[in-house]
Amino acid sequence: MLQPDCLAHSRLMFYRDAIDVSLEEKNWEEALRYANDLEAFARPEPFEFVRLVAARARGLAALGRRGPEPELMAQLTSLRDEIRRAGLGALVPGIEAALGLVAA
């Protein structure tokens, strides 16, 4: 699907969606792999969307693996607020569900 001539925004959305599916399936390793792949793709020209999507994947995977440790929950709360400030509201519900603020 991700041939070299694939449009950049298609790759970005693929990785975001693949991360979300992996998280929903509780496949933490796959979520992390896709986060790494996303960052590798954007490495020549990194930008905020990529950083936040990858950080969200890592935070939610860590929560799935380790459970609701206070420091991790504080990091996820901070990340949620940063995502909101960046105007990426579509990434917020997964974090809020993990924080127990909305029904999962």
C-alpha atoms as a PDB file:
ATOM      1  CA  MET A   1       0.000   0.000   0.000  1.00  0.00           C
ATOM      2  CA  LEU A   2       2.767   2.451   0.830  1.00  0.00           C
ATOM      3  CA  GLN A   3       4.673   2.495  -2.417  1.00  0.00           C
ATOM      4  CA  PRO A   4       7.441   5.088  -2.853  1.00  0.00           C
ATOM      5  CA  ASP A   5       5.171   7.293  -4.982  1.00  0.00           C
ATOM      6  CA  CYS A   6       2.380   7.291  -2.376  1.00  0.00           C
ATOM      7  CA  LEU A   7       1.301  10.803  -1.329  1.00  0.00           C
ATOM      8  CA  ALA A   8       2.774  11.930   1.989  1.00  0.00           C
ATOM      9  CA  HIS A   9      -0.566  12.646   3.638  1.00  0.00           C
ATOM     10  CA  SER A  10      -1.706   9.117   2.801  1.00  0.00           C
ATOM     11  CA  ARG A  11       1.278   7.707   4.660  1.00  0.00           C
ATOM     12  CA  LEU A  12       0.667   9.965   7.637  1.00  0.00           C
ATOM     13  CA  MET A  13      -2.973   8.930   7.907  1.00  0.00           C
ATOM     14  CA  PHE A  14      -2.114   5.263   7.372  1.00  0.00           C
ATOM     15  CA  TYR A  15       0.342   5.289  10.272  1.00  0.00           C
ATOM     16  CA  ARG A  16      -2.066   7.200  12.516  1.00  0.00           C
ATOM     17  CA  ASP A  17      -4.866   4.751  11.743  1.00  0.00           C
ATOM     18  CA  ALA A  18      -2.596   1.705  12.076  1.00  0.00           C
ATOM     19  CA  ILE A  19      -1.528   2.944  15.501  1.00  0.00           C
ATOM     20  CA  ASP A  20      -5.156   3.357  16.544  1.00  0.00           C
ATOM     21  CA  VAL A  21      -6.136  -0.123  15.351  1.00  0.00           C
ATOM     22  CA  SER A  22      -3.136  -1.621  17.137  1.00  0.00           C
ATOM     23  CA  LEU A  23      -4.057   0.179  20.351  1.00  0.00           C
ATOM     24  CA  GLU A  24      -7.686  -0.948  20.090  1.00  0.00           C
ATOM     25  CA  GLU A  25      -6.483  -4.536  19.665  1.00  0.00           C
ATOM     26  CA  LYS A  26      -4.118  -4.108  22.623  1.00  0.00           C
ATOM     27  CA  ASN A  27      -1.204  -4.930  20.344  1.00  0.00           C
ATOM     28  CA  TRP A  28       1.284  -2.614  22.054  1.00  0.00           C
ATOM     29  CA  GLU A  29       4.294  -3.767  20.037  1.00  0.00           C
ATOM     30  CA  GLU A  30       2.562  -3.047  16.721  1.00  0.00           C
ATOM     31  CA  ALA A  31       1.473   0.391  17.929  1.00  0.00           C
ATOM     32  CA  LEU A  32       5.082   1.174  18.824  1.00  0.00           C
ATOM     33  CA  ARG A  33       6.347  -0.205  15.523  1.00  0.00           C
ATOM     34  CA  TYR A  34       3.967   2.029  13.583  1.00  0.00           C
ATOM     35  CA  ALA A  35       4.949   5.035  15.730  1.00  0.00           C
ATOM     36  CA  ASN A  36       8.607   4.349  14.906  1.00  0.00           C
ATOM     37  CA  ASP A  37       7.781   3.931  11.213  1.00  0.00           C
ATOM     38  CA  LEU A  38       5.873   7.220  11.226  1.00  0.00           C
ATOM     39  CA  GLU A  39       8.807   9.049  12.773  1.00  0.00           C
ATOM     40  CA  ALA A  40      11.243   7.424  10.348  1.00  0.00           C
ATOM     41  CA  PHE A  41       9.105   8.543   7.416  1.00  0.00           C
ATOM     42  CA  ALA A  42       9.012  12.141   8.666  1.00  0.00           C
ATOM     43  CA  ARG A  43      12.623  12.287   9.867  1.00  0.00           C
ATOM     44  CA  PRO A  44      13.811  14.407   6.893  1.00  0.00           C
ATOM     45  CA  GLU A  45      11.157  17.021   7.706  1.00  0.00           C
ATOM     46  CA  PRO A  46       9.794  16.420  11.235  1.00  0.00           C
ATOM     47  CA  PHE A  47       6.712  18.296  12.375  1.00  0.00           C
ATOM     48  CA  GLU A  48       4.356  18.527  15.333  1.00  0.00           C
ATOM     49  CA  PHE A  49       1.647  16.146  14.083  1.00  0.00           C
ATOM     50  CA  VAL A  50       4.149  13.290  13.841  1.00  0.00           C
ATOM     51  CA  ARG A  51       5.663  13.993  17.246  1.00  0.00           C
ATOM     52  CA  LEU A  52       2.255  14.102  18.934  1.00  0.00           C
ATOM     53  CA  VAL A  53       0.867  11.002  17.218  1.00  0.00           C
ATOM     54  CA  ALA A  54       3.991   9.034  18.149  1.00  0.00           C
ATOM     55  CA  ALA A  55       3.962  10.326  21.740  1.00  0.00           C
ATOM     56  CA  ARG A  56       0.284   9.384  22.051  1.00  0.00           C
ATOM     57  CA  ALA A  57       1.020   5.870  20.757  1.00  0.00           C
ATOM     58  CA  ARG A  58       3.874   5.437  23.222  1.00  0.00           C
ATOM     59  CA  GLY A  59       1.889   6.782  26.141  1.00  0.00           C
ATOM     60  CA  LEU A  60      -1.171   4.630  25.498  1.00  0.00           C
ATOM     61  CA  ALA A  61       0.968   1.535  24.867  1.00  0.00           C
ATOM     62  CA  ALA A  62       2.788   2.159  28.144  1.00  0.00           C
ATOM     63  CA  LEU A  63      -0.547   2.476  29.925  1.00  0.00           C
ATOM     64  CA  GLY A  64      -1.695  -0.793  28.399  1.00  0.00           C
ATOM     65  CA  ARG A  65       1.473  -2.550  29.498  1.00  0.00           C
ATOM     66  CA  ARG A  66       2.016  -1.084  32.946  1.00  0.00           C
ATOM     67  CA  GLY A  67      -1.369   0.136  34.062  1.00  0.00           C
ATOM     68  CA  PRO A  68      -2.341   3.546  35.461  1.00  0.00           C
ATOM     69  CA  GLU A  69       0.855   4.609  37.209  1.00  0.00           C
ATOM     70  CA  PRO A  70       0.486   8.155  38.590  1.00  0.00           C
ATOM     71  CA  GLU A  71       3.448   9.560  36.621  1.00  0.00           C
ATOM     72  CA  LEU A  72       2.201   8.030  33.374  1.00  0.00           C
ATOM     73  CA  MET A  73      -1.312   9.361  33.937  1.00  0.00           C
ATOM     74  CA  ALA A  74       0.148  12.847  34.524  1.00  0.00           C
ATOM     75  CA  GLN A  75       2.146  12.538  31.284  1.00  0.00           C
ATOM     76  CA  LEU A  76      -0.978  11.505  29.361  1.00  0.00           C
ATOM     77  CA  THR A  77      -2.919  14.434  30.828  1.00  0.00           C
ATOM     78  CA  SER A  78      -0.161  16.820  29.759  1.00  0.00           C
ATOM     79  CA  LEU A  79      -0.029  15.231  26.304  1.00  0.00           C
ATOM     80  CA  ARG A  80      -3.802  15.546  25.928  1.00  0.00           C
ATOM     81  CA  ASP A  81      -3.568  19.254  26.716  1.00  0.00           C
ATOM     82  CA  GLU A  82      -0.698  19.701  24.248  1.00  0.00           C
ATOM     83  CA  ILE A  83      -2.674  17.899  21.536  1.00  0.00           C
ATOM     84  CA  ARG A  84      -5.644  20.189  22.160  1.00  0.00           C
ATOM     85  CA  ARG A  85      -3.433  23.292  21.906  1.00  0.00           C
ATOM     86  CA  ALA A  86      -2.084  21.979  18.594  1.00  0.00           C
ATOM     87  CA  GLY A  87      -5.651  21.726  17.272  1.00  0.00           C
ATOM     88  CA  LEU A  88      -5.538  17.950  16.822  1.00  0.00           C
ATOM     89  CA  GLY A  89      -8.780  17.210  18.648  1.00  0.00           C
ATOM     90  CA  ALA A  90      -9.308  13.896  16.848  1.00  0.00           C
ATOM     91  CA  LEU A  91      -6.433  12.461  18.918  1.00  0.00           C
ATOM     92  CA  VAL A  92      -7.978  13.477  22.245  1.00  0.00           C
ATOM     93  CA  PRO A  93     -10.806  10.910  22.760  1.00  0.00           C
ATOM     94  CA  GLY A  94      -8.438   7.930  22.982  1.00  0.00           C
ATOM     95  CA  ILE A  95      -6.441   9.642  25.694  1.00  0.00           C
ATOM     96  CA  GLU A  96      -9.525  10.736  27.570  1.00  0.00           C
ATOM     97  CA  ALA A  97     -10.904   7.195  27.448  1.00  0.00           C
ATOM     98  CA  ALA A  98      -7.593   5.941  28.838  1.00  0.00           C
ATOM     99  CA  LEU A  99      -7.727   8.561  31.585  1.00  0.00           C
ATOM    100  CA  GLY A 100     -11.248   7.412  32.446  1.00  0.00           C
ATOM    101  CA  LEU A 101     -12.807  10.759  31.490  1.00  0.00           C
ATOM    102  CA  VAL A 102     -15.206   9.301  28.940  1.00  0.00           C
ATOM    103  CA  ALA A 103     -16.652   5.875  28.295  1.00  0.00           C
ATOM    104  CA  ALA A 104     -14.135   3.744  26.430  1.00  0.00           C
END
